[in-house]
Amino acid sequence: MTRTFRRYRRRRAIVSTLVVALATVLGAACTRDDTAIGRHESSPSVPGHVHGLGIDPLDGGLYVATHGGLFRSGPTGLEKVGTSAAANRDLMGFLVAGAGQFISSGHPSPLEATPDPLGLVRSTDGGLSWQNIALGGEVDFHALDQGPGGIYGVDAEGSLRFSRDGGARWEAWPAPPALDVAADPRRPDHLVLAVVAGVVAFDGPAASAPDATAPAVDPTPQMAFLSWAPDGELFGLTPDARLLTSPDGGATWLPRATVPGGRAQALTAVGQGRVLAATAGGVHESRDGGGTFTTVAVMAT
């Protein structure tokens, strides 16, 4: 191990403490309870802390992953997906990976005899059922993204991992402790991480070299969440729900709007100006690149 990399590991340990503190403020590590058991009715409100948002290209449906399970937008509000014990899982790091195909992580419901944490799980039927893919009982991914080079995840400790085979096998990359990861949709293995005091942009193969040095942190407003739209625009959401956009992959940031509702909880850039964001006040949608937002669902009280 080189002297440079030893210094990097010491710095990582110091920054990790800061990441844990910030994650606590953001509510990234939710406590589990039994309050969601048996709730399958439609509701105009979000029944619990939001961990992920996505649009299924199969039918255009909006999906909201929460502390109390997965919900889908319907004619009367958000509707619980599924009726089994697994429908009440604490889904974290949620990602729409394809038409009718979701990947996630988190914790099983109290009624399941399933390893905790879930590791990486996948649904191929729109969230009605889930299959374990890897790392069950070992890893709780708090953030997931995919790009041309594979799937990327940030676990509960802020460590970055990647998979080249759809999530079956994972490897770790040396990187600063992170809160979120966004994968460039056009450049394989080009990532941007949300870290304490800014963002880090780097290419994976260089970062995984044995004598790798720490990637430089680009000072920006503190980002809680990042999302890269398929058409190339990168968005960032601060802890207090200020939305910014970067036209150059994270080098510069331009303010767009403040998402209503207070503390940030999730961000997904759909593309063609459509942006989804969740705050402590509910789920919100923009159709003009984050300039204005309308409220899709309010947070349950």
C-alpha atoms as a PDB file:
ATOM      1  CA  MET A   1       0.000   0.000   0.000  1.00  0.00           C
ATOM      2  CA  THR A   2       1.447   3.348  -0.985  1.00  0.00           C
ATOM      3  CA  ARG A   3       1.915   6.246   1.408  1.00  0.00           C
ATOM      4  CA  THR A   4      -0.538   8.299  -0.653  1.00  0.00           C
ATOM      5  CA  PHE A   5      -3.252   5.676  -0.330  1.00  0.00           C
ATOM      6  CA  ARG A   6      -2.649   5.334   3.429  1.00  0.00           C
ATOM      7  CA  ARG A   7      -3.230   9.064   3.817  1.00  0.00           C
ATOM      8  CA  TYR A   8      -6.404   8.670   1.755  1.00  0.00           C
ATOM      9  CA  ARG A   9      -7.698   5.933   4.065  1.00  0.00           C
ATOM     10  CA  ARG A  10      -7.035   8.058   7.156  1.00  0.00           C
ATOM     11  CA  ARG A  11      -8.896  10.966   5.573  1.00  0.00           C
ATOM     12  CA  ARG A  12     -11.726   8.621   4.622  1.00  0.00           C
ATOM     13  CA  ALA A  13     -12.152   7.577   8.264  1.00  0.00           C
ATOM     14  CA  ILE A  14     -12.363  11.206   9.372  1.00  0.00           C
ATOM     15  CA  VAL A  15     -14.844  12.194   6.667  1.00  0.00           C
ATOM     16  CA  SER A  16     -16.930   9.090   7.351  1.00  0.00           C
ATOM     17  CA  THR A  17     -17.804  10.474  10.767  1.00  0.00           C
ATOM     18  CA  LEU A  18     -19.120  13.624   9.109  1.00  0.00           C
ATOM     19  CA  VAL A  19     -21.144  11.615   6.605  1.00  0.00           C
ATOM     20  CA  VAL A  20     -22.861   9.668   9.374  1.00  0.00           C
ATOM     21  CA  ALA A  21     -23.803  12.913  11.095  1.00  0.00           C
ATOM     22  CA  LEU A  22     -25.186  14.421   7.891  1.00  0.00           C
ATOM     23  CA  ALA A  23     -27.056  11.239   6.992  1.00  0.00           C
ATOM     24  CA  THR A  24     -28.744  11.345  10.388  1.00  0.00           C
ATOM     25  CA  VAL A  25     -29.930  14.880   9.722  1.00  0.00           C
ATOM     26  CA  LEU A  26     -31.266  13.848   6.297  1.00  0.00           C
ATOM     27  CA  GLY A  27     -33.095  10.879   7.797  1.00  0.00           C
ATOM     28  CA  ALA A  28     -31.228   8.470   5.507  1.00  0.00           C
ATOM     29  CA  ALA A  29     -31.179   5.738   8.141  1.00  0.00           C
ATOM     30  CA  CYS A  30     -34.824   5.190   9.087  1.00  0.00           C
ATOM     31  CA  THR A  31     -35.824   3.202  12.120  1.00  0.00           C
ATOM     32  CA  ARG A  32     -38.136   0.285  11.514  1.00  0.00           C
ATOM     33  CA  ASP A  33     -41.609  -0.064  12.982  1.00  0.00           C
ATOM     34  CA  ASP A  34     -44.815  -2.012  12.397  1.00  0.00           C
ATOM     35  CA  THR A  35     -47.079   0.896  11.518  1.00  0.00           C
ATOM     36  CA  ALA A  36     -47.257   0.079   7.817  1.00  0.00           C
ATOM     37  CA  ILE A  37     -48.537  -3.463   8.277  1.00  0.00           C
ATOM     38  CA  GLY A  38     -51.840  -4.097   6.556  1.00  0.00           C
ATOM     39  CA  ARG A  39     -52.269  -0.677   4.923  1.00  0.00           C
ATOM     40  CA  HIS A  40     -53.230  -1.181   1.279  1.00  0.00           C
ATOM     41  CA  GLU A  41     -55.803   1.554   0.673  1.00  0.00           C
ATOM     42  CA  SER A  42     -55.401   4.427  -1.761  1.00  0.00           C
ATOM     43  CA  SER A  43     -54.286   7.686  -0.229  1.00  0.00           C
ATOM     44  CA  PRO A  44     -53.522  11.189  -1.530  1.00  0.00           C
ATOM     45  CA  SER A  45     -50.675  11.328   0.973  1.00  0.00           C
ATOM     46  CA  VAL A  46     -47.253   9.707   1.281  1.00  0.00           C
ATOM     47  CA  PRO A  47     -47.450   7.126   4.114  1.00  0.00           C
ATOM     48  CA  GLY A  48     -43.882   7.368   5.388  1.00  0.00           C
ATOM     49  CA  HIS A  49     -40.411   8.648   4.626  1.00  0.00           C
ATOM     50  CA  VAL A  50     -39.645   8.535   0.881  1.00  0.00           C
ATOM     51  CA  HIS A  51     -36.512   6.668  -0.195  1.00  0.00           C
ATOM     52  CA  GLY A  52     -36.858   6.674  -3.977  1.00  0.00           C
ATOM     53  CA  LEU A  53     -38.885   7.812  -6.970  1.00  0.00           C
ATOM     54  CA  GLY A  54     -39.187   6.494 -10.501  1.00  0.00           C
ATOM     55  CA  ILE A  55     -41.266   6.341 -13.676  1.00  0.00           C
ATOM     56  CA  ASP A  56     -41.896   2.903 -15.175  1.00  0.00           C
ATOM     57  CA  PRO A  57     -41.395   3.176 -18.959  1.00  0.00           C
ATOM     58  CA  LEU A  58     -43.773   0.230 -19.364  1.00  0.00           C
ATOM     59  CA  ASP A  59     -46.852   2.332 -18.613  1.00  0.00           C
ATOM     60  CA  GLY A  60     -45.615   5.730 -17.408  1.00  0.00           C
ATOM     61  CA  GLY A  61     -46.639   5.036 -13.822  1.00  0.00           C
ATOM     62  CA  LEU A  62     -45.052   6.994 -10.955  1.00  0.00           C
ATOM     63  CA  TYR A  63     -43.619   4.775  -8.199  1.00  0.00           C
ATOM     64  CA  VAL A  64     -42.729   5.943  -4.693  1.00  0.00           C
ATOM     65  CA  ALA A  65     -40.525   3.732  -2.508  1.00  0.00           C
ATOM     66  CA  THR A  66     -41.036   4.432   1.187  1.00  0.00           C
ATOM     67  CA  HIS A  67     -40.295   3.256   4.700  1.00  0.00           C
ATOM     68  CA  GLY A  68     -43.634   1.421   4.512  1.00  0.00           C
ATOM     69  CA  GLY A  69     -43.439  -0.206   1.081  1.00  0.00           C
ATOM     70  CA  LEU A  70     -43.853   0.658  -2.586  1.00  0.00           C
ATOM     71  CA  PHE A  71     -46.684   2.867  -3.842  1.00  0.00           C
ATOM     72  CA  ARG A  72     -47.939   3.697  -7.338  1.00  0.00           C
ATOM     73  CA  SER A  73     -49.823   6.772  -8.462  1.00  0.00           C
ATOM     74  CA  GLY A  74     -53.446   6.026  -9.249  1.00  0.00           C
ATOM     75  CA  PRO A  75     -56.690   7.879  -9.989  1.00  0.00           C
ATOM     76  CA  THR A  76     -57.367   8.490  -6.285  1.00  0.00           C
ATOM     77  CA  GLY A  77     -53.791   8.986  -5.101  1.00  0.00           C
ATOM     78  CA  LEU A  78     -50.995   6.639  -4.147  1.00  0.00           C
ATOM     79  CA  GLU A  79     -51.875   2.935  -4.061  1.00  0.00           C
ATOM     80  CA  LYS A  80     -49.914   0.249  -2.240  1.00  0.00           C
ATOM     81  CA  VAL A  81     -48.248  -2.226  -4.618  1.00  0.00           C
ATOM     82  CA  GLY A  82     -48.827  -5.809  -3.503  1.00  0.00           C
ATOM     83  CA  THR A  83     -50.573  -7.397  -0.519  1.00  0.00           C
ATOM     84  CA  SER A  84     -47.990  -9.884   0.787  1.00  0.00           C
ATOM     85  CA  ALA A  85     -45.716  -9.361   3.773  1.00  0.00           C
ATOM     86  CA  ALA A  86     -43.023  -8.209   1.343  1.00  0.00           C
ATOM     87  CA  ALA A  87     -45.271  -5.301   0.345  1.00  0.00           C
ATOM     88  CA  ASN A  88     -44.417  -3.673   3.672  1.00  0.00           C
ATOM     89  CA  ARG A  89     -40.650  -3.683   3.249  1.00  0.00           C
ATOM     90  CA  ASP A  90     -38.557  -0.626   4.018  1.00  0.00           C
ATOM     91  CA  LEU A  91     -37.321  -0.030   0.469  1.00  0.00           C
ATOM     92  CA  MET A  92     -34.149   2.032   0.144  1.00  0.00           C
ATOM     93  CA  GLY A  93     -31.931   2.833  -2.824  1.00  0.00           C
ATOM     94  CA  PHE A  94     -34.884   2.280  -5.162  1.00  0.00           C
ATOM     95  CA  LEU A  95     -34.276   2.410  -8.921  1.00  0.00           C
ATOM     96  CA  VAL A  96     -36.433   1.739 -11.982  1.00  0.00           C
ATOM     97  CA  ALA A  97     -34.011  -0.364 -14.020  1.00  0.00           C
ATOM     98  CA  GLY A  98     -36.242  -1.029 -17.038  1.00  0.00           C
ATOM     99  CA  ALA A  99     -39.832  -1.614 -18.148  1.00  0.00           C
ATOM    100  CA  GLY A 100     -41.539  -3.249 -15.171  1.00  0.00           C
ATOM    101  CA  GLN A 101     -38.130  -3.935 -13.605  1.00  0.00           C
ATOM    102  CA  PHE A 102     -37.042  -2.403 -10.293  1.00  0.00           C
ATOM    103  CA  ILE A 103     -34.028  -2.890  -8.032  1.00  0.00           C
ATOM    104  CA  SER A 104     -33.845  -1.882  -4.406  1.00  0.00           C
ATOM    105  CA  SER A 105     -32.373  -2.596  -0.993  1.00  0.00           C
ATOM    106  CA  GLY A 106     -33.407  -1.943   2.601  1.00  0.00           C
ATOM    107  CA  HIS A 107     -35.049  -4.079   5.264  1.00  0.00           C
ATOM    108  CA  PRO A 108     -37.714  -6.827   5.343  1.00  0.00           C
ATOM    109  CA  SER A 109     -41.065  -6.310   7.010  1.00  0.00           C
ATOM    110  CA  PRO A 110     -41.503  -7.691  10.551  1.00  0.00           C
ATOM    111  CA  LEU A 111     -43.606 -10.529   9.114  1.00  0.00           C
ATOM    112  CA  GLU A 112     -40.875 -11.904   6.848  1.00  0.00           C
ATOM    113  CA  ALA A 113     -38.268 -14.547   7.611  1.00  0.00           C
ATOM    114  CA  THR A 114     -35.804 -12.771   5.330  1.00  0.00           C
ATOM    115  CA  PRO A 115     -32.187 -11.737   6.028  1.00  0.00           C
ATOM    116  CA  ASP A 116     -31.807  -8.161   7.202  1.00  0.00           C
ATOM    117  CA  PRO A 117     -30.595  -6.079   5.435  1.00  0.00           C
ATOM    118  CA  LEU A 118     -32.000  -7.194   2.099  1.00  0.00           C
ATOM    119  CA  GLY A 119     -28.844  -6.681   0.045  1.00  0.00           C
ATOM    120  CA  LEU A 120     -29.851  -6.150  -3.582  1.00  0.00           C
ATOM    121  CA  VAL A 121     -33.344  -7.275  -4.570  1.00  0.00           C
ATOM    122  CA  ARG A 122     -35.082  -7.152  -7.943  1.00  0.00           C
ATOM    123  CA  SER A 123     -38.682  -7.118  -9.153  1.00  0.00           C
ATOM    124  CA  THR A 124     -39.634  -8.014 -12.719  1.00  0.00           C
ATOM    125  CA  ASP A 125     -43.379  -7.568 -12.247  1.00  0.00           C
ATOM    126  CA  GLY A 126     -43.690  -3.917 -11.263  1.00  0.00           C
ATOM    127  CA  GLY A 127     -43.004  -4.442  -7.566  1.00  0.00           C
ATOM    128  CA  LEU A 128     -45.561  -7.179  -6.887  1.00  0.00           C
ATOM    129  CA  SER A 129     -42.813  -9.638  -5.916  1.00  0.00           C
ATOM    130  CA  TRP A 130     -39.107  -9.381  -5.103  1.00  0.00           C
ATOM    131  CA  GLN A 131     -36.185 -11.756  -5.554  1.00  0.00           C
ATOM    132  CA  ASN A 132     -32.857 -11.541  -3.746  1.00  0.00           C
ATOM    133  CA  ILE A 133     -29.947 -11.067  -6.142  1.00  0.00           C
ATOM    134  CA  ALA A 134     -26.948 -10.658  -3.827  1.00  0.00           C
ATOM    135  CA  LEU A 135     -25.580  -9.543  -0.444  1.00  0.00           C
ATOM    136  CA  GLY A 136     -28.611 -10.566   1.596  1.00  0.00           C
ATOM    137  CA  GLY A 137     -27.923 -10.040   5.301  1.00  0.00           C
ATOM    138  CA  GLU A 138     -24.781  -8.060   4.432  1.00  0.00           C
ATOM    139  CA  VAL A 139     -25.400  -4.733   2.696  1.00  0.00           C
ATOM    140  CA  ASP A 140     -28.002  -1.992   2.908  1.00  0.00           C
ATOM    141  CA  PHE A 141     -27.707   0.199  -0.184  1.00  0.00           C
ATOM    142  CA  HIS A 142     -28.950   3.715   0.505  1.00  0.00           C
ATOM    143  CA  ALA A 143     -28.369   4.830  -3.098  1.00  0.00           C
ATOM    144  CA  LEU A 144     -28.411   2.985  -6.420  1.00  0.00           C
ATOM    145  CA  ASP A 145     -27.870   4.077 -10.006  1.00  0.00           C
ATOM    146  CA  GLN A 146     -27.008   2.436 -13.295  1.00  0.00           C
ATOM    147  CA  GLY A 147     -25.112   3.540 -16.363  1.00  0.00           C
ATOM    148  CA  PRO A 148     -23.464   2.051 -19.441  1.00  0.00           C
ATOM    149  CA  GLY A 149     -20.794   0.425 -17.258  1.00  0.00           C
ATOM    150  CA  GLY A 150     -23.053  -1.328 -14.754  1.00  0.00           C
ATOM    151  CA  ILE A 151     -24.878  -0.755 -11.466  1.00  0.00           C
ATOM    152  CA  TYR A 152     -23.421   1.474  -8.748  1.00  0.00           C
ATOM    153  CA  GLY A 153     -24.386   1.565  -5.097  1.00  0.00           C
ATOM    154  CA  VAL A 154     -23.606   3.510  -1.942  1.00  0.00           C
ATOM    155  CA  ASP A 155     -24.110   1.487   1.219  1.00  0.00           C
ATOM    156  CA  ALA A 156     -25.160   2.644   4.688  1.00  0.00           C
ATOM    157  CA  GLU A 157     -21.535   3.467   5.582  1.00  0.00           C
ATOM    158  CA  GLY A 158     -21.072   5.607   2.472  1.00  0.00           C
ATOM    159  CA  SER A 159     -18.878   3.079   0.645  1.00  0.00           C
ATOM    160  CA  LEU A 160     -19.095   2.869  -3.158  1.00  0.00           C
ATOM    161  CA  ARG A 161     -19.592  -0.511  -4.857  1.00  0.00           C
ATOM    162  CA  PHE A 162     -20.190  -1.584  -8.440  1.00  0.00           C
ATOM    163  CA  SER A 163     -21.524  -4.582 -10.333  1.00  0.00           C
ATOM    164  CA  ARG A 164     -20.876  -5.546 -13.957  1.00  0.00           C
ATOM    165  CA  ASP A 165     -23.380  -8.424 -14.138  1.00  0.00           C
ATOM    166  CA  GLY A 166     -26.701  -6.933 -13.165  1.00  0.00           C
ATOM    167  CA  GLY A 167     -26.070  -7.022  -9.414  1.00  0.00           C
ATOM    168  CA  ALA A 168     -25.027 -10.629  -8.823  1.00  0.00           C
ATOM    169  CA  ARG A 169     -21.386  -9.804  -7.970  1.00  0.00           C
ATOM    170  CA  TRP A 170     -20.094  -6.614  -6.386  1.00  0.00           C
ATOM    171  CA  GLU A 171     -16.710  -4.985  -5.946  1.00  0.00           C
ATOM    172  CA  ALA A 172     -15.661  -1.974  -3.880  1.00  0.00           C
ATOM    173  CA  TRP A 173     -14.034   1.169  -5.289  1.00  0.00           C
ATOM    174  CA  PRO A 174     -11.889   3.507  -3.192  1.00  0.00           C
ATOM    175  CA  ALA A 175     -13.794   6.775  -3.072  1.00  0.00           C
ATOM    176  CA  PRO A 176     -14.679   9.421  -0.506  1.00  0.00           C
ATOM    177  CA  PRO A 177     -17.614   8.429   1.727  1.00  0.00           C
ATOM    178  CA  ALA A 178     -20.723   9.373  -0.218  1.00  0.00           C
ATOM    179  CA  LEU A 179     -24.361  10.197   0.288  1.00  0.00           C
ATOM    180  CA  ASP A 180     -25.450   9.563  -3.300  1.00  0.00           C
ATOM    181  CA  VAL A 181     -24.111   8.498  -6.695  1.00  0.00           C
ATOM    182  CA  ALA A 182     -25.099   9.525 -10.216  1.00  0.00           C
ATOM    183  CA  ALA A 183     -23.837   7.634 -13.273  1.00  0.00           C
ATOM    184  CA  ASP A 184     -23.200   9.454 -16.544  1.00  0.00           C
ATOM    185  CA  PRO A 185     -25.691   7.985 -19.056  1.00  0.00           C
ATOM    186  CA  ARG A 186     -23.228   8.505 -21.926  1.00  0.00           C
ATOM    187  CA  ARG A 187     -19.790   7.659 -20.480  1.00  0.00           C
ATOM    188  CA  PRO A 188     -19.214   4.213 -18.947  1.00  0.00           C
ATOM    189  CA  ASP A 189     -17.963   4.376 -15.357  1.00  0.00           C
ATOM    190  CA  HIS A 190     -17.998   8.167 -15.164  1.00  0.00           C
ATOM    191  CA  LEU A 191     -19.593   8.955 -11.805  1.00  0.00           C
ATOM    192  CA  VAL A 192     -20.444  11.951  -9.681  1.00  0.00           C
ATOM    193  CA  LEU A 193     -20.715  11.467  -5.918  1.00  0.00           C
ATOM    194  CA  ALA A 194     -22.395  13.707  -3.376  1.00  0.00           C
ATOM    195  CA  VAL A 195     -19.916  13.976  -0.494  1.00  0.00           C
ATOM    196  CA  VAL A 196     -19.416  16.226   2.507  1.00  0.00           C
ATOM    197  CA  ALA A 197     -18.653  19.779   1.304  1.00  0.00           C
ATOM    198  CA  GLY A 198     -19.229  19.183  -2.393  1.00  0.00           C
ATOM    199  CA  VAL A 199     -19.202  16.677  -5.216  1.00  0.00           C
ATOM    200  CA  VAL A 200     -16.571  14.348  -6.636  1.00  0.00           C
ATOM    201  CA  ALA A 201     -16.431  13.437 -10.324  1.00  0.00           C
ATOM    202  CA  PHE A 202     -14.196  10.594 -11.481  1.00  0.00           C
ATOM    203  CA  ASP A 203     -13.841   7.646 -13.808  1.00  0.00           C
ATOM    204  CA  GLY A 204     -14.040   4.230 -12.198  1.00  0.00           C
ATOM    205  CA  PRO A 205     -11.049   2.365 -13.652  1.00  0.00           C
ATOM    206  CA  ALA A 206      -8.663   5.162 -12.610  1.00  0.00           C
ATOM    207  CA  ALA A 207     -10.129   5.286  -9.130  1.00  0.00           C
ATOM    208  CA  SER A 208      -9.658   1.539  -8.642  1.00  0.00           C
ATOM    209  CA  ALA A 209      -5.946   1.502  -9.485  1.00  0.00           C
ATOM    210  CA  PRO A 210      -3.707   0.144  -6.690  1.00  0.00           C
ATOM    211  CA  ASP A 211      -1.898   3.481  -6.256  1.00  0.00           C
ATOM    212  CA  ALA A 212      -5.011   5.628  -6.588  1.00  0.00           C
ATOM    213  CA  THR A 213      -5.052   9.030  -4.937  1.00  0.00           C
ATOM    214  CA  ALA A 214      -8.168  10.600  -3.537  1.00  0.00           C
ATOM    215  CA  PRO A 215     -10.367  12.284  -6.168  1.00  0.00           C
ATOM    216  CA  ALA A 216     -10.568  16.040  -5.714  1.00  0.00           C
ATOM    217  CA  VAL A 217     -13.687  17.401  -4.021  1.00  0.00           C
ATOM    218  CA  ASP A 218     -15.241  20.216  -6.032  1.00  0.00           C
ATOM    219  CA  PRO A 219     -16.750  22.683  -3.533  1.00  0.00           C
ATOM    220  CA  THR A 220     -20.436  23.269  -4.230  1.00  0.00           C
ATOM    221  CA  PRO A 221     -23.557  23.765  -2.176  1.00  0.00           C
ATOM    222  CA  GLN A 222     -23.885  20.637  -0.053  1.00  0.00           C
ATOM    223  CA  MET A 223     -25.790  18.049  -2.093  1.00  0.00           C
ATOM    224  CA  ALA A 224     -28.011  15.444  -0.474  1.00  0.00           C
ATOM    225  CA  PHE A 225     -29.073  13.788  -3.739  1.00  0.00           C
ATOM    226  CA  LEU A 226     -27.897  13.658  -7.349  1.00  0.00           C
ATOM    227  CA  SER A 227     -29.627  12.423 -10.481  1.00  0.00           C
ATOM    228  CA  TRP A 228     -28.409  12.314 -14.082  1.00  0.00           C
ATOM    229  CA  ALA A 229     -31.165  12.547 -16.695  1.00  0.00           C
ATOM    230  CA  PRO A 230     -30.909  10.144 -19.651  1.00  0.00           C
ATOM    231  CA  ASP A 231     -30.563  13.146 -21.981  1.00  0.00           C
ATOM    232  CA  GLY A 232     -27.423  14.316 -20.177  1.00  0.00           C
ATOM    233  CA  GLU A 233     -28.440  16.976 -17.638  1.00  0.00           C
ATOM    234  CA  LEU A 234     -27.229  16.499 -14.055  1.00  0.00           C
ATOM    235  CA  PHE A 235     -29.384  17.658 -11.140  1.00  0.00           C
ATOM    236  CA  GLY A 236     -28.536  18.111  -7.472  1.00  0.00           C
ATOM    237  CA  LEU A 237     -30.780  18.624  -4.435  1.00  0.00           C
ATOM    238  CA  THR A 238     -29.469  20.213  -1.247  1.00  0.00           C
ATOM    239  CA  PRO A 239     -30.596  19.108   2.239  1.00  0.00           C
ATOM    240  CA  ASP A 240     -32.937  22.119   2.392  1.00  0.00           C
ATOM    241  CA  ALA A 241     -34.442  21.185  -1.003  1.00  0.00           C
ATOM    242  CA  ARG A 242     -32.773  23.729  -3.279  1.00  0.00           C
ATOM    243  CA  LEU A 243     -32.563  22.261  -6.778  1.00  0.00           C
ATOM    244  CA  LEU A 244     -29.499  22.965  -8.926  1.00  0.00           C
ATOM    245  CA  THR A 245     -28.521  21.801 -12.386  1.00  0.00           C
ATOM    246  CA  SER A 246     -25.138  21.244 -13.981  1.00  0.00           C
ATOM    247  CA  PRO A 247     -24.683  21.433 -17.764  1.00  0.00           C
ATOM    248  CA  ASP A 248     -21.078  20.184 -17.559  1.00  0.00           C
ATOM    249  CA  GLY A 249     -21.165  17.064 -15.416  1.00  0.00           C
ATOM    250  CA  GLY A 250     -20.788  18.719 -12.036  1.00  0.00           C
ATOM    251  CA  ALA A 251     -18.082  21.306 -12.758  1.00  0.00           C
ATOM    252  CA  THR A 252     -20.496  24.223 -12.395  1.00  0.00           C
ATOM    253  CA  TRP A 253     -23.960  24.458 -10.864  1.00  0.00           C
ATOM    254  CA  LEU A 254     -26.881  26.770 -11.620  1.00  0.00           C
ATOM    255  CA  PRO A 255     -29.793  27.336  -9.192  1.00  0.00           C
ATOM    256  CA  ARG A 256     -33.253  26.415 -10.457  1.00  0.00           C
ATOM    257  CA  ALA A 257     -35.871  26.464  -7.683  1.00  0.00           C
ATOM    258  CA  THR A 258     -36.601  25.448  -4.118  1.00  0.00           C
ATOM    259  CA  VAL A 259     -38.777  22.347  -3.965  1.00  0.00           C
ATOM    260  CA  PRO A 260     -41.657  22.927  -1.517  1.00  0.00           C
ATOM    261  CA  GLY A 261     -41.986  21.005   1.696  1.00  0.00           C
ATOM    262  CA  GLY A 262     -38.697  21.380   3.563  1.00  0.00           C
ATOM    263  CA  ARG A 263     -36.052  18.684   4.056  1.00  0.00           C
ATOM    264  CA  ALA A 264     -35.029  16.751   0.925  1.00  0.00           C
ATOM    265  CA  GLN A 265     -35.757  13.012   0.727  1.00  0.00           C
ATOM    266  CA  ALA A 266     -35.297  11.855  -2.895  1.00  0.00           C
ATOM    267  CA  LEU A 267     -34.540  13.071  -6.426  1.00  0.00           C
ATOM    268  CA  THR A 268     -34.992  11.523  -9.874  1.00  0.00           C
ATOM    269  CA  ALA A 269     -34.376  13.234 -13.215  1.00  0.00           C
ATOM    270  CA  VAL A 270     -36.612  11.537 -15.778  1.00  0.00           C
ATOM    271  CA  GLY A 271     -35.430  13.464 -18.828  1.00  0.00           C
ATOM    272  CA  GLN A 272     -36.868  16.037 -21.275  1.00  0.00           C
ATOM    273  CA  GLY A 273     -37.285  18.527 -18.453  1.00  0.00           C
ATOM    274  CA  ARG A 274     -39.172  16.196 -16.109  1.00  0.00           C
ATOM    275  CA  VAL A 275     -37.865  16.046 -12.537  1.00  0.00           C
ATOM    276  CA  LEU A 276     -39.290  14.266  -9.487  1.00  0.00           C
ATOM    277  CA  ALA A 277     -38.386  15.314  -5.948  1.00  0.00           C
ATOM    278  CA  ALA A 278     -39.568  14.280  -2.505  1.00  0.00           C
ATOM    279  CA  THR A 279     -39.336  16.433   0.600  1.00  0.00           C
ATOM    280  CA  ALA A 280     -40.710  16.279   4.121  1.00  0.00           C
ATOM    281  CA  GLY A 281     -43.859  17.827   2.641  1.00  0.00           C
ATOM    282  CA  GLY A 282     -44.524  15.222  -0.038  1.00  0.00           C
ATOM    283  CA  VAL A 283     -43.765  14.277  -3.643  1.00  0.00           C
ATOM    284  CA  HIS A 284     -43.381  17.019  -6.251  1.00  0.00           C
ATOM    285  CA  GLU A 285     -42.970  17.096 -10.035  1.00  0.00           C
ATOM    286  CA  SER A 286     -41.496  19.568 -12.507  1.00  0.00           C
ATOM    287  CA  ARG A 287     -42.068  19.541 -16.256  1.00  0.00           C
ATOM    288  CA  ASP A 288     -39.812  22.509 -17.017  1.00  0.00           C
ATOM    289  CA  GLY A 289     -36.405  21.331 -15.902  1.00  0.00           C
ATOM    290  CA  GLY A 290     -36.915  22.186 -12.250  1.00  0.00           C
ATOM    291  CA  GLY A 291     -38.099  25.754 -12.763  1.00  0.00           C
ATOM    292  CA  THR A 292     -41.487  25.152 -11.142  1.00  0.00           C
ATOM    293  CA  PHE A 293     -42.996  22.241  -9.195  1.00  0.00           C
ATOM    294  CA  THR A 294     -46.482  20.885  -8.622  1.00  0.00           C
ATOM    295  CA  THR A 295     -47.334  18.646  -5.671  1.00  0.00           C
ATOM    296  CA  VAL A 296     -48.265  15.064  -6.549  1.00  0.00           C
ATOM    297  CA  ALA A 297     -48.837  13.798  -2.997  1.00  0.00           C
ATOM    298  CA  VAL A 298     -48.503  15.377   0.444  1.00  0.00           C
ATOM    299  CA  MET A 299     -46.779  13.758   3.410  1.00  0.00           C
ATOM    300  CA  ALA A 300     -49.060  11.893   5.794  1.00  0.00           C
ATOM    301  CA  THR A 301     -49.354  13.352   9.286  1.00  0.00           C
END
